[in-house]
Amino acid sequence: MSRSIITEIGSIVPEFEEEKVIILFGPMATPDLREICVIHEFHKKPNQTLVEGKEFMLGEHKYIIKQVGSEANKNFEELGHISIYFKQSDNDILPGAIQVEPDVFPKLNIGDNICFEL
C-alpha cells in the first residue's frame, strides 16, 4: 500500500469543486503551484500504484480508479503529482491524470491520509 499525508491545501483548491478535479503534488511544489494543489508527503513511496480497478482513500472518501493516464504513475512516483478527476468524460484522459468514481468531490483537511491499495 502507498500512503501519504496531506500537509497543505492551496487557497484556490475549493474553486475546483465545480470542475471536479484535485491536483496532488509533493512537497517540492513551487509557490505558484501550492495555491492550486493539495500538497502531500509520502510515508510509503508508490511503485506502479495507480491501477484501473483499484480502490484508494482520500481522507474519509473511498474511490475506485477507472482510468490511468500514460504518465500518471511516473509523475506520482517522482513528483507526488497527479490530477484526479471525479467525473466521467468521453474525452481521453490527460497523461498525468486519473479518473475515479464515484463522482463526489471530497472534503479534505490537513492531516488527512491518502492511501492506495496495491
PDB file of N, CA and C in Angstrom:
ATOM      1  N   MET A   1       0.841  -1.179   0.000  1.00  0.00           N
ATOM      2  CA  MET A   1       0.000   0.000   0.000  1.00  0.00           C
ATOM      3  C   MET A   1       0.884   1.239   0.000  1.00  0.00           C
ATOM      4  N   SER A   2       0.503   2.222  -0.791  1.00  0.00           N
ATOM      5  CA  SER A   2       1.170   3.513  -0.814  1.00  0.00           C
ATOM      6  C   SER A   2       0.361   4.461   0.065  1.00  0.00           C
ATOM      7  N   ARG A   3       1.075   5.228   0.894  1.00  0.00           N
ATOM      8  CA  ARG A   3       0.367   6.122   1.799  1.00  0.00           C
ATOM      9  C   ARG A   3       1.073   7.457   1.898  1.00  0.00           C
ATOM     10  N   SER A   4       0.272   8.522   1.933  1.00  0.00           N
ATOM     11  CA  SER A   4       0.816   9.855   2.156  1.00  0.00           C
ATOM     12  C   SER A   4      -0.147  10.630   3.044  1.00  0.00           C
ATOM     13  N   ILE A   5       0.310  11.790   3.494  1.00  0.00           N
ATOM     14  CA  ILE A   5      -0.497  12.637   4.364  1.00  0.00           C
ATOM     15  C   ILE A   5      -0.573  14.036   3.749  1.00  0.00           C
ATOM     16  N   ILE A   6      -1.751  14.640   3.821  1.00  0.00           N
ATOM     17  CA  ILE A   6      -1.944  15.987   3.301  1.00  0.00           C
ATOM     18  C   ILE A   6      -1.319  16.978   4.280  1.00  0.00           C
ATOM     19  N   THR A   7      -0.414  17.818   3.753  1.00  0.00           N
ATOM     20  CA  THR A   7       0.278  18.790   4.596  1.00  0.00           C
ATOM     21  C   THR A   7      -0.162  20.223   4.317  1.00  0.00           C
ATOM     22  N   GLU A   8      -0.819  20.435   3.175  1.00  0.00           N
ATOM     23  CA  GLU A   8      -1.211  21.794   2.801  1.00  0.00           C
ATOM     24  C   GLU A   8      -2.321  21.714   1.756  1.00  0.00           C
ATOM     25  N   ILE A   9      -3.260  22.632   1.825  1.00  0.00           N
ATOM     26  CA  ILE A   9      -4.332  22.718   0.830  1.00  0.00           C
ATOM     27  C   ILE A   9      -4.320  24.137   0.284  1.00  0.00           C
ATOM     28  N   GLY A  10      -4.035  24.252  -1.012  1.00  0.00           N
ATOM     29  CA  GLY A  10      -3.934  25.567  -1.638  1.00  0.00           C
ATOM     30  C   GLY A  10      -5.220  26.369  -1.540  1.00  0.00           C
ATOM     31  N   SER A  11      -5.072  27.677  -1.513  1.00  0.00           N
ATOM     32  CA  SER A  11      -6.222  28.567  -1.333  1.00  0.00           C
ATOM     33  C   SER A  11      -7.224  28.481  -2.483  1.00  0.00           C
ATOM     34  N   ILE A  12      -6.778  28.069  -3.656  1.00  0.00           N
ATOM     35  CA  ILE A  12      -7.659  28.008  -4.827  1.00  0.00           C
ATOM     36  C   ILE A  12      -8.307  26.629  -4.991  1.00  0.00           C
ATOM     37  N   VAL A  13      -7.858  25.629  -4.251  1.00  0.00           N
ATOM     38  CA  VAL A  13      -8.377  24.257  -4.392  1.00  0.00           C
ATOM     39  C   VAL A  13      -9.907  24.187  -4.308  1.00  0.00           C
ATOM     40  N   PRO A  14     -10.566  24.862  -3.356  1.00  0.00           N
ATOM     41  CA  PRO A  14     -12.035  24.758  -3.299  1.00  0.00           C
ATOM     42  C   PRO A  14     -12.736  25.215  -4.581  1.00  0.00           C
ATOM     43  N   GLU A  15     -12.115  26.103  -5.335  1.00  0.00           N
ATOM     44  CA  GLU A  15     -12.717  26.588  -6.577  1.00  0.00           C
ATOM     45  C   GLU A  15     -12.777  25.506  -7.657  1.00  0.00           C
ATOM     46  N   PHE A  16     -12.025  24.426  -7.492  1.00  0.00           N
ATOM     47  CA  PHE A  16     -12.037  23.341  -8.476  1.00  0.00           C
ATOM     48  C   PHE A  16     -13.188  22.354  -8.245  1.00  0.00           C
ATOM     49  N   GLU A  17     -13.985  22.579  -7.203  1.00  0.00           N
ATOM     50  CA  GLU A  17     -15.092  21.662  -6.933  1.00  0.00           C
ATOM     51  C   GLU A  17     -16.068  21.609  -8.101  1.00  0.00           C
ATOM     52  N   GLU A  18     -16.340  22.731  -8.724  1.00  0.00           N
ATOM     53  CA  GLU A  18     -17.259  22.756  -9.873  1.00  0.00           C
ATOM     54  C   GLU A  18     -16.720  21.917 -11.028  1.00  0.00           C
ATOM     55  N   GLU A  19     -15.416  21.960 -11.234  1.00  0.00           N
ATOM     56  CA  GLU A  19     -14.773  21.174 -12.295  1.00  0.00           C
ATOM     57  C   GLU A  19     -14.529  19.726 -11.881  1.00  0.00           C
ATOM     58  N   LYS A  20     -14.689  19.449 -10.581  1.00  0.00           N
ATOM     59  CA  LYS A  20     -14.484  18.116 -10.004  1.00  0.00           C
ATOM     60  C   LYS A  20     -13.088  17.574 -10.307  1.00  0.00           C
ATOM     61  N   VAL A  21     -12.074  18.371  -9.958  1.00  0.00           N
ATOM     62  CA  VAL A  21     -10.691  17.946 -10.126  1.00  0.00           C
ATOM     63  C   VAL A  21      -9.864  18.428  -8.935  1.00  0.00           C
ATOM     64  N   ILE A  22      -8.943  17.573  -8.504  1.00  0.00           N
ATOM     65  CA  ILE A  22      -7.965  17.919  -7.471  1.00  0.00           C
ATOM     66  C   ILE A  22      -6.587  17.607  -8.033  1.00  0.00           C
ATOM     67  N   ILE A  23      -5.659  18.509  -7.791  1.00  0.00           N
ATOM     68  CA  ILE A  23      -4.279  18.320  -8.224  1.00  0.00           C
ATOM     69  C   ILE A  23      -3.446  18.018  -6.988  1.00  0.00           C
ATOM     70  N   LEU A  24      -2.862  16.821  -6.952  1.00  0.00           N
ATOM     71  CA  LEU A  24      -1.945  16.454  -5.870  1.00  0.00           C
ATOM     72  C   LEU A  24      -0.528  16.792  -6.304  1.00  0.00           C
ATOM     73  N   PHE A  25       0.288  17.240  -5.353  1.00  0.00           N
ATOM     74  CA  PHE A  25       1.699  17.493  -5.637  1.00  0.00           C
ATOM     75  C   PHE A  25       2.488  17.249  -4.374  1.00  0.00           C
ATOM     76  N   GLY A  26       3.711  16.780  -4.542  1.00  0.00           N
ATOM     77  CA  GLY A  26       4.611  16.548  -3.424  1.00  0.00           C
ATOM     78  C   GLY A  26       5.140  17.850  -2.852  1.00  0.00           C
ATOM     79  N   PRO A  27       5.963  17.770  -1.812  1.00  0.00           N
ATOM     80  CA  PRO A  27       6.434  18.956  -1.093  1.00  0.00           C
ATOM     81  C   PRO A  27       7.351  19.873  -1.898  1.00  0.00           C
ATOM     82  N   MET A  28       7.832  19.429  -3.075  1.00  0.00           N
ATOM     83  CA  MET A  28       8.715  20.281  -3.866  1.00  0.00           C
ATOM     84  C   MET A  28       7.964  21.240  -4.775  1.00  0.00           C
ATOM     85  N   ALA A  29       6.640  21.307  -4.666  1.00  0.00           N
ATOM     86  CA  ALA A  29       5.836  22.204  -5.498  1.00  0.00           C
ATOM     87  C   ALA A  29       6.268  23.653  -5.293  1.00  0.00           C
ATOM     88  N   THR A  30       6.270  24.399  -6.380  1.00  0.00           N
ATOM     89  CA  THR A  30       6.626  25.819  -6.322  1.00  0.00           C
ATOM     90  C   THR A  30       5.517  26.608  -5.621  1.00  0.00           C
ATOM     91  N   PRO A  31       5.808  27.835  -5.176  1.00  0.00           N
ATOM     92  CA  PRO A  31       4.776  28.644  -4.525  1.00  0.00           C
ATOM     93  C   PRO A  31       3.519  28.837  -5.384  1.00  0.00           C
ATOM     94  N   ASP A  32       3.677  29.045  -6.679  1.00  0.00           N
ATOM     95  CA  ASP A  32       2.516  29.209  -7.557  1.00  0.00           C
ATOM     96  C   ASP A  32       1.680  27.937  -7.605  1.00  0.00           C
ATOM     97  N   LEU A  33       2.324  26.779  -7.689  1.00  0.00           N
ATOM     98  CA  LEU A  33       1.599  25.513  -7.717  1.00  0.00           C
ATOM     99  C   LEU A  33       0.887  25.252  -6.395  1.00  0.00           C
ATOM    100  N   ARG A  34       1.492  25.654  -5.297  1.00  0.00           N
ATOM    101  CA  ARG A  34       0.907  25.401  -3.972  1.00  0.00           C
ATOM    102  C   ARG A  34      -0.482  26.016  -3.835  1.00  0.00           C
ATOM    103  N   GLU A  35      -0.743  27.105  -4.526  1.00  0.00           N
ATOM    104  CA  GLU A  35      -2.050  27.756  -4.448  1.00  0.00           C
ATOM    105  C   GLU A  35      -3.158  26.895  -5.037  1.00  0.00           C
ATOM    106  N   ILE A  36      -2.825  26.070  -6.034  1.00  0.00           N
ATOM    107  CA  ILE A  36      -3.854  25.295  -6.736  1.00  0.00           C
ATOM    108  C   ILE A  36      -3.804  23.803  -6.408  1.00  0.00           C
ATOM    109  N   CYS A  37      -2.895  23.398  -5.534  1.00  0.00           N
ATOM    110  CA  CYS A  37      -2.672  21.972  -5.277  1.00  0.00           C
ATOM    111  C   CYS A  37      -2.970  21.569  -3.840  1.00  0.00           C
ATOM    112  N   VAL A  38      -3.187  20.267  -3.688  1.00  0.00           N
ATOM    113  CA  VAL A  38      -3.179  19.618  -2.387  1.00  0.00           C
ATOM    114  C   VAL A  38      -1.780  19.040  -2.241  1.00  0.00           C
ATOM    115  N   ILE A  39      -1.019  19.552  -1.288  1.00  0.00           N
ATOM    116  CA  ILE A  39       0.366  19.126  -1.082  1.00  0.00           C
ATOM    117  C   ILE A  39       0.355  17.956  -0.096  1.00  0.00           C
ATOM    118  N   HIS A  40       1.133  16.925  -0.433  1.00  0.00           N
ATOM    119  CA  HIS A  40       1.179  15.732   0.420  1.00  0.00           C
ATOM    120  C   HIS A  40       2.597  15.195   0.472  1.00  0.00           C
ATOM    121  N   GLU A  41       2.879  14.433   1.522  1.00  0.00           N
ATOM    122  CA  GLU A  41       4.187  13.790   1.688  1.00  0.00           C
ATOM    123  C   GLU A  41       3.980  12.309   1.871  1.00  0.00           C
ATOM    124  N   PHE A  42       4.789  11.521   1.169  1.00  0.00           N
ATOM    125  CA  PHE A  42       4.682  10.072   1.239  1.00  0.00           C
ATOM    126  C   PHE A  42       5.235   9.529   2.553  1.00  0.00           C
ATOM    127  N   HIS A  43       4.508   8.582   3.140  1.00  0.00           N
ATOM    128  CA  HIS A  43       5.017   7.764   4.239  1.00  0.00           C
ATOM    129  C   HIS A  43       5.571   6.479   3.651  1.00  0.00           C
ATOM    130  N   LYS A  44       4.907   6.011   2.615  1.00  0.00           N
ATOM    131  CA  LYS A  44       5.375   4.836   1.884  1.00  0.00           C
ATOM    132  C   LYS A  44       5.281   5.178   0.410  1.00  0.00           C
ATOM    133  N   LYS A  45       6.437   5.192  -0.260  1.00  0.00           N
ATOM    134  CA  LYS A  45       6.525   5.604  -1.655  1.00  0.00           C
ATOM    135  C   LYS A  45       5.747   4.669  -2.569  1.00  0.00           C
ATOM    136  N   PRO A  46       5.148   5.237  -3.610  1.00  0.00           N
ATOM    137  CA  PRO A  46       4.408   4.415  -4.567  1.00  0.00           C
ATOM    138  C   PRO A  46       5.333   3.712  -5.546  1.00  0.00           C
ATOM    139  N   ASN A  47       4.845   2.609  -6.080  1.00  0.00           N
ATOM    140  CA  ASN A  47       5.533   1.888  -7.150  1.00  0.00           C
ATOM    141  C   ASN A  47       4.449   1.252  -8.015  1.00  0.00           C
ATOM    142  N   GLN A  48       4.159   1.909  -9.131  1.00  0.00           N
ATOM    143  CA  GLN A  48       3.083   1.463 -10.026  1.00  0.00           C
ATOM    144  C   GLN A  48       1.784   1.268  -9.245  1.00  0.00           C
ATOM    145  N   THR A  49       1.468   2.263  -8.419  1.00  0.00           N
ATOM    146  CA  THR A  49       0.323   2.236  -7.514  1.00  0.00           C
ATOM    147  C   THR A  49      -0.997   2.468  -8.230  1.00  0.00           C
ATOM    148  N   LEU A  50      -0.978   3.290  -9.267  1.00  0.00           N
ATOM    149  CA  LEU A  50      -2.204   3.709  -9.936  1.00  0.00           C
ATOM    150  C   LEU A  50      -2.603   2.664 -10.968  1.00  0.00           C
ATOM    151  N   VAL A  51      -3.607   1.863 -10.627  1.00  0.00           N
ATOM    152  CA  VAL A  51      -4.038   0.746 -11.463  1.00  0.00           C
ATOM    153  C   VAL A  51      -5.562   0.787 -11.581  1.00  0.00           C
ATOM    154  N   GLU A  52      -6.058   0.674 -12.796  1.00  0.00           N
ATOM    155  CA  GLU A  52      -7.504   0.656 -13.005  1.00  0.00           C
ATOM    156  C   GLU A  52      -8.140  -0.458 -12.185  1.00  0.00           C
ATOM    157  N   GLY A  53      -9.253  -0.124 -11.542  1.00  0.00           N
ATOM    158  CA  GLY A  53      -9.991  -1.089 -10.737  1.00  0.00           C
ATOM    159  C   GLY A  53      -9.594  -1.121  -9.276  1.00  0.00           C
ATOM    160  N   LYS A  54      -8.491  -0.485  -8.911  1.00  0.00           N
ATOM    161  CA  LYS A  54      -8.035  -0.472  -7.517  1.00  0.00           C
ATOM    162  C   LYS A  54      -8.736   0.631  -6.734  1.00  0.00           C
ATOM    163  N   GLU A  55      -8.914   0.374  -5.446  1.00  0.00           N
ATOM    164  CA  GLU A  55      -9.524   1.349  -4.553  1.00  0.00           C
ATOM    165  C   GLU A  55      -8.458   2.216  -3.901  1.00  0.00           C
ATOM    166  N   PHE A  56      -8.856   3.417  -3.512  1.00  0.00           N
ATOM    167  CA  PHE A  56      -7.994   4.250  -2.688  1.00  0.00           C
ATOM    168  C   PHE A  56      -8.859   5.152  -1.824  1.00  0.00           C
ATOM    169  N   MET A  57      -8.257   5.605  -0.749  1.00  0.00           N
ATOM    170  CA  MET A  57      -8.920   6.505   0.185  1.00  0.00           C
ATOM    171  C   MET A  57      -8.279   7.887   0.075  1.00  0.00           C
ATOM    172  N   LEU A  58      -9.123   8.882   0.022  1.00  0.00           N
ATOM    173  CA  LEU A  58      -8.688  10.269   0.010  1.00  0.00           C
ATOM    174  C   LEU A  58      -9.418  10.926   1.172  1.00  0.00           C
ATOM    175  N   GLY A  59      -8.718  11.054   2.298  1.00  0.00           N
ATOM    176  CA  GLY A  59      -9.388  11.478   3.516  1.00  0.00           C
ATOM    177  C   GLY A  59     -10.373  10.400   3.939  1.00  0.00           C
ATOM    178  N   GLU A  60     -11.619  10.760   4.108  1.00  0.00           N
ATOM    179  CA  GLU A  60     -12.664   9.816   4.523  1.00  0.00           C
ATOM    180  C   GLU A  60     -13.421   9.217   3.339  1.00  0.00           C
ATOM    181  N   HIS A  61     -13.006   9.566   2.128  1.00  0.00           N
ATOM    182  CA  HIS A  61     -13.742   9.167   0.924  1.00  0.00           C
ATOM    183  C   HIS A  61     -13.045   8.012   0.210  1.00  0.00           C
ATOM    184  N   LYS A  62     -13.834   7.020  -0.217  1.00  0.00           N
ATOM    185  CA  LYS A  62     -13.295   5.862  -0.933  1.00  0.00           C
ATOM    186  C   LYS A  62     -13.653   5.970  -2.417  1.00  0.00           C
ATOM    187  N   TYR A  63     -12.654   5.704  -3.263  1.00  0.00           N
ATOM    188  CA  TYR A  63     -12.829   5.795  -4.707  1.00  0.00           C
ATOM    189  C   TYR A  63     -12.272   4.554  -5.398  1.00  0.00           C
ATOM    190  N   ILE A  64     -12.718   4.338  -6.628  1.00  0.00           N
ATOM    191  CA  ILE A  64     -12.181   3.289  -7.487  1.00  0.00           C
ATOM    192  C   ILE A  64     -11.574   3.974  -8.710  1.00  0.00           C
ATOM    193  N   ILE A  65     -10.361   3.593  -9.051  1.00  0.00           N
ATOM    194  CA  ILE A  65      -9.689   4.157 -10.221  1.00  0.00           C
ATOM    195  C   ILE A  65     -10.297   3.539 -11.472  1.00  0.00           C
ATOM    196  N   LYS A  66     -10.793   4.395 -12.367  1.00  0.00           N
ATOM    197  CA  LYS A  66     -11.419   3.923 -13.604  1.00  0.00           C
ATOM    198  C   LYS A  66     -10.496   4.055 -14.815  1.00  0.00           C
ATOM    199  N   GLN A  67      -9.666   5.097 -14.840  1.00  0.00           N
ATOM    200  CA  GLN A  67      -8.719   5.300 -15.935  1.00  0.00           C
ATOM    201  C   GLN A  67      -7.416   5.857 -15.362  1.00  0.00           C
ATOM    202  N   VAL A  68      -6.313   5.488 -15.996  1.00  0.00           N
ATOM    203  CA  VAL A  68      -4.995   5.970 -15.579  1.00  0.00           C
ATOM    204  C   VAL A  68      -4.273   6.509 -16.804  1.00  0.00           C
ATOM    205  N   GLY A  69      -3.838   7.763 -16.746  1.00  0.00           N
ATOM    206  CA  GLY A  69      -3.083   8.366 -17.842  1.00  0.00           C
ATOM    207  C   GLY A  69      -1.723   7.720 -18.000  1.00  0.00           C
ATOM    208  N   SER A  70      -1.172   7.830 -19.195  1.00  0.00           N
ATOM    209  CA  SER A  70       0.078   7.147 -19.548  1.00  0.00           C
ATOM    210  C   SER A  70       1.279   7.585 -18.711  1.00  0.00           C
ATOM    211  N   GLU A  71       1.280   8.789 -18.163  1.00  0.00           N
ATOM    212  CA  GLU A  71       2.403   9.295 -17.359  1.00  0.00           C
ATOM    213  C   GLU A  71       2.066   9.395 -15.877  1.00  0.00           C
ATOM    214  N   ALA A  72       0.867   8.983 -15.489  1.00  0.00           N
ATOM    215  CA  ALA A  72       0.401   9.201 -14.118  1.00  0.00           C
ATOM    216  C   ALA A  72       1.291   8.514 -13.078  1.00  0.00           C
ATOM    217  N   ASN A  73       1.614   7.237 -13.277  1.00  0.00           N
ATOM    218  CA  ASN A  73       2.450   6.542 -12.292  1.00  0.00           C
ATOM    219  C   ASN A  73       3.831   7.169 -12.185  1.00  0.00           C
ATOM    220  N   LYS A  74       4.440   7.495 -13.300  1.00  0.00           N
ATOM    221  CA  LYS A  74       5.775   8.096 -13.305  1.00  0.00           C
ATOM    222  C   LYS A  74       5.757   9.434 -12.562  1.00  0.00           C
ATOM    223  N   ASN A  75       4.790  10.292 -12.880  1.00  0.00           N
ATOM    224  CA  ASN A  75       4.687  11.599 -12.216  1.00  0.00           C
ATOM    225  C   ASN A  75       4.416  11.458 -10.724  1.00  0.00           C
ATOM    226  N   PHE A  76       3.567  10.495 -10.373  1.00  0.00           N
ATOM    227  CA  PHE A  76       3.215  10.293  -8.965  1.00  0.00           C
ATOM    228  C   PHE A  76       4.432   9.811  -8.182  1.00  0.00           C
ATOM    229  N   GLU A  77       5.189   8.881  -8.752  1.00  0.00           N
ATOM    230  CA  GLU A  77       6.364   8.346  -8.078  1.00  0.00           C
ATOM    231  C   GLU A  77       7.473   9.387  -7.936  1.00  0.00           C
ATOM    232  N   GLU A  78       7.688  10.187  -8.986  1.00  0.00           N
ATOM    233  CA  GLU A  78       8.803  11.131  -8.977  1.00  0.00           C
ATOM    234  C   GLU A  78       8.474  12.457  -8.295  1.00  0.00           C
ATOM    235  N   LEU A  79       7.253  12.949  -8.483  1.00  0.00           N
ATOM    236  CA  LEU A  79       6.896  14.288  -8.013  1.00  0.00           C
ATOM    237  C   LEU A  79       5.740  14.308  -7.011  1.00  0.00           C
ATOM    238  N   GLY A  80       5.107  13.157  -6.816  1.00  0.00           N
ATOM    239  CA  GLY A  80       3.901  13.135  -5.995  1.00  0.00           C
ATOM    240  C   GLY A  80       2.744  13.820  -6.695  1.00  0.00           C
ATOM    241  N   HIS A  81       2.826  13.934  -8.021  1.00  0.00           N
ATOM    242  CA  HIS A  81       1.865  14.727  -8.793  1.00  0.00           C
ATOM    243  C   HIS A  81       0.942  13.863  -9.646  1.00  0.00           C
ATOM    244  N   ILE A  82      -0.357  14.057  -9.435  1.00  0.00           N
ATOM    245  CA  ILE A  82      -1.391  13.572 -10.353  1.00  0.00           C
ATOM    246  C   ILE A  82      -2.573  14.531 -10.255  1.00  0.00           C
ATOM    247  N   SER A  83      -3.344  14.565 -11.313  1.00  0.00           N
ATOM    248  CA  SER A  83      -4.638  15.242 -11.291  1.00  0.00           C
ATOM    249  C   SER A  83      -5.686  14.150 -11.156  1.00  0.00           C
ATOM    250  N   ILE A  84      -6.623  14.341 -10.242  1.00  0.00           N
ATOM    251  CA  ILE A  84      -7.686  13.360 -10.015  1.00  0.00           C
ATOM    252  C   ILE A  84      -8.995  13.970 -10.482  1.00  0.00           C
ATOM    253  N   TYR A  85      -9.620  13.311 -11.454  1.00  0.00           N
ATOM    254  CA  TYR A  85     -10.902  13.769 -11.983  1.00  0.00           C
ATOM    255  C   TYR A  85     -12.020  12.940 -11.364  1.00  0.00           C
ATOM    256  N   PHE A  86     -12.961  13.630 -10.733  1.00  0.00           N
ATOM    257  CA  PHE A  86     -14.093  12.999 -10.066  1.00  0.00           C
ATOM    258  C   PHE A  86     -15.336  13.106 -10.943  1.00  0.00           C
ATOM    259  N   LYS A  87     -15.165  12.852 -12.237  1.00  0.00           N
ATOM    260  CA  LYS A  87     -16.291  12.911 -13.163  1.00  0.00           C
ATOM    261  C   LYS A  87     -15.992  12.030 -14.364  1.00  0.00           C
ATOM    262  N   GLN A  88     -17.044  11.564 -14.987  1.00  0.00           N
ATOM    263  CA  GLN A  88     -16.919  10.746 -16.196  1.00  0.00           C
ATOM    264  C   GLN A  88     -16.739  11.682 -17.387  1.00  0.00           C
ATOM    265  N   SER A  89     -15.965  11.236 -18.353  1.00  0.00           N
ATOM    266  CA  SER A  89     -15.743  12.040 -19.548  1.00  0.00           C
ATOM    267  C   SER A  89     -15.616  11.129 -20.755  1.00  0.00           C
ATOM    268  N   ASP A  90     -16.102  11.612 -21.878  1.00  0.00           N
ATOM    269  CA  ASP A  90     -15.958  10.871 -23.135  1.00  0.00           C
ATOM    270  C   ASP A  90     -14.597  11.136 -23.770  1.00  0.00           C
ATOM    271  N   ASN A  91     -13.891  12.150 -23.268  1.00  0.00           N
ATOM    272  CA  ASN A  91     -12.579  12.507 -23.811  1.00  0.00           C
ATOM    273  C   ASN A  91     -11.511  11.591 -23.239  1.00  0.00           C
ATOM    274  N   ASP A  92     -10.381  11.495 -23.950  1.00  0.00           N
ATOM    275  CA  ASP A  92      -9.241  10.753 -23.430  1.00  0.00           C
ATOM    276  C   ASP A  92      -8.710  11.458 -22.185  1.00  0.00           C
ATOM    277  N   ILE A  93      -8.253  10.671 -21.245  1.00  0.00           N
ATOM    278  CA  ILE A  93      -7.710  11.211 -20.005  1.00  0.00           C
ATOM    279  C   ILE A  93      -6.326  11.816 -20.283  1.00  0.00           C
ATOM    280  N   LEU A  94      -5.990  12.880 -19.574  1.00  0.00           N
ATOM    281  CA  LEU A  94      -4.678  13.505 -19.729  1.00  0.00           C
ATOM    282  C   LEU A  94      -3.595  12.554 -19.247  1.00  0.00           C
ATOM    283  N   PRO A  95      -2.383  12.635 -19.795  1.00  0.00           N
ATOM    284  CA  PRO A  95      -1.314  11.687 -19.436  1.00  0.00           C
ATOM    285  C   PRO A  95      -1.003  11.621 -17.934  1.00  0.00           C
ATOM    286  N   GLY A  96      -1.069  12.744 -17.221  1.00  0.00           N
ATOM    287  CA  GLY A  96      -0.724  12.770 -15.802  1.00  0.00           C
ATOM    288  C   GLY A  96      -1.917  12.720 -14.878  1.00  0.00           C
ATOM    289  N   ALA A  97      -3.016  12.142 -15.349  1.00  0.00           N
ATOM    290  CA  ALA A  97      -4.255  12.171 -14.572  1.00  0.00           C
ATOM    291  C   ALA A  97      -4.821  10.773 -14.355  1.00  0.00           C
ATOM    292  N   ILE A  98      -5.728  10.704 -13.367  1.00  0.00           N
ATOM    293  CA  ILE A  98      -6.551   9.516 -13.192  1.00  0.00           C
ATOM    294  C   ILE A  98      -8.004   9.976 -13.121  1.00  0.00           C
ATOM    295  N   GLN A  99      -8.903   9.084 -13.513  1.00  0.00           N
ATOM    296  CA  GLN A  99     -10.340   9.348 -13.409  1.00  0.00           C
ATOM    297  C   GLN A  99     -10.902   8.322 -12.454  1.00  0.00           C
ATOM    298  N   VAL A 100     -11.731   8.790 -11.503  1.00  0.00           N
ATOM    299  CA  VAL A 100     -12.230   7.917 -10.441  1.00  0.00           C
ATOM    300  C   VAL A 100     -13.750   7.996 -10.339  1.00  0.00           C
ATOM    301  N   GLU A 101     -14.303   7.036  -9.623  1.00  0.00           N
ATOM    302  CA  GLU A 101     -15.712   7.109  -9.249  1.00  0.00           C
ATOM    303  C   GLU A 101     -15.843   6.669  -7.799  1.00  0.00           C
ATOM    304  N   PRO A 102     -16.839   7.137  -7.083  1.00  0.00           N
ATOM    305  CA  PRO A 102     -17.959   7.944  -7.545  1.00  0.00           C
ATOM    306  C   PRO A 102     -17.526   9.374  -7.847  1.00  0.00           C
ATOM    307  N   ASP A 103     -18.422  10.123  -8.472  1.00  0.00           N
ATOM    308  CA  ASP A 103     -18.097  11.490  -8.867  1.00  0.00           C
ATOM    309  C   ASP A 103     -18.410  12.485  -7.749  1.00  0.00           C
ATOM    310  N   VAL A 104     -17.841  12.221  -6.583  1.00  0.00           N
ATOM    311  CA  VAL A 104     -18.052  13.051  -5.392  1.00  0.00           C
ATOM    312  C   VAL A 104     -16.747  13.778  -5.068  1.00  0.00           C
ATOM    313  N   PHE A 105     -16.788  15.101  -5.119  1.00  0.00           N
ATOM    314  CA  PHE A 105     -15.622  15.911  -4.774  1.00  0.00           C
ATOM    315  C   PHE A 105     -15.412  15.829  -3.260  1.00  0.00           C
ATOM    316  N   PRO A 106     -14.212  15.447  -2.809  1.00  0.00           N
ATOM    317  CA  PRO A 106     -14.002  15.221  -1.375  1.00  0.00           C
ATOM    318  C   PRO A 106     -13.812  16.501  -0.576  1.00  0.00           C
ATOM    319  N   LYS A 107     -14.193  16.435   0.677  1.00  0.00           N
ATOM    320  CA  LYS A 107     -13.850  17.480   1.648  1.00  0.00           C
ATOM    321  C   LYS A 107     -12.549  17.022   2.293  1.00  0.00           C
ATOM    322  N   LEU A 108     -11.511  17.821   2.186  1.00  0.00           N
ATOM    323  CA  LEU A 108     -10.191  17.425   2.671  1.00  0.00           C
ATOM    324  C   LEU A 108      -9.715  18.356   3.772  1.00  0.00           C
ATOM    325  N   ASN A 109      -8.865  17.802   4.632  1.00  0.00           N
ATOM    326  CA  ASN A 109      -8.273  18.561   5.727  1.00  0.00           C
ATOM    327  C   ASN A 109      -6.788  18.249   5.807  1.00  0.00           C
ATOM    328  N   ILE A 110      -6.031  19.211   6.293  1.00  0.00           N
ATOM    329  CA  ILE A 110      -4.618  18.957   6.559  1.00  0.00           C
ATOM    330  C   ILE A 110      -4.548  17.833   7.585  1.00  0.00           C
ATOM    331  N   GLY A 111      -3.676  16.869   7.336  1.00  0.00           N
ATOM    332  CA  GLY A 111      -3.544  15.709   8.209  1.00  0.00           C
ATOM    333  C   GLY A 111      -4.285  14.488   7.700  1.00  0.00           C
ATOM    334  N   ASP A 112      -5.176  14.663   6.711  1.00  0.00           N
ATOM    335  CA  ASP A 112      -5.870  13.514   6.122  1.00  0.00           C
ATOM    336  C   ASP A 112      -4.875  12.621   5.394  1.00  0.00           C
ATOM    337  N   ASN A 113      -5.160  11.325   5.384  1.00  0.00           N
ATOM    338  CA  ASN A 113      -4.329  10.360   4.675  1.00  0.00           C
ATOM    339  C   ASN A 113      -4.829  10.136   3.253  1.00  0.00           C
ATOM    340  N   ILE A 114      -3.903   9.768   2.394  1.00  0.00           N
ATOM    341  CA  ILE A 114      -4.198   9.315   1.045  1.00  0.00           C
ATOM    342  C   ILE A 114      -3.594   7.914   0.969  1.00  0.00           C
ATOM    343  N   CYS A 115      -4.434   6.891   0.788  1.00  0.00           N
ATOM    344  CA  CYS A 115      -3.970   5.513   0.805  1.00  0.00           C
ATOM    345  C   CYS A 115      -4.404   4.798  -0.462  1.00  0.00           C
ATOM    346  N   PHE A 116      -3.429   4.255  -1.188  1.00  0.00           N
ATOM    347  CA  PHE A 116      -3.692   3.479  -2.387  1.00  0.00           C
ATOM    348  C   PHE A 116      -3.430   2.012  -2.104  1.00  0.00           C
ATOM    349  N   GLU A 117      -4.384   1.172  -2.463  1.00  0.00           N
ATOM    350  CA  GLU A 117      -4.267  -0.286  -2.325  1.00  0.00           C
ATOM    351  C   GLU A 117      -3.280  -0.792  -3.380  1.00  0.00           C
ATOM    352  N   LEU A 118      -2.596  -1.868  -3.065  1.00  0.00           N
ATOM    353  CA  LEU A 118      -1.702  -2.489  -4.055  1.00  0.00           C
ATOM    354  C   LEU A 118      -2.320  -3.727  -4.639  1.00  0.00           C
TER     355      LEU A 118
END
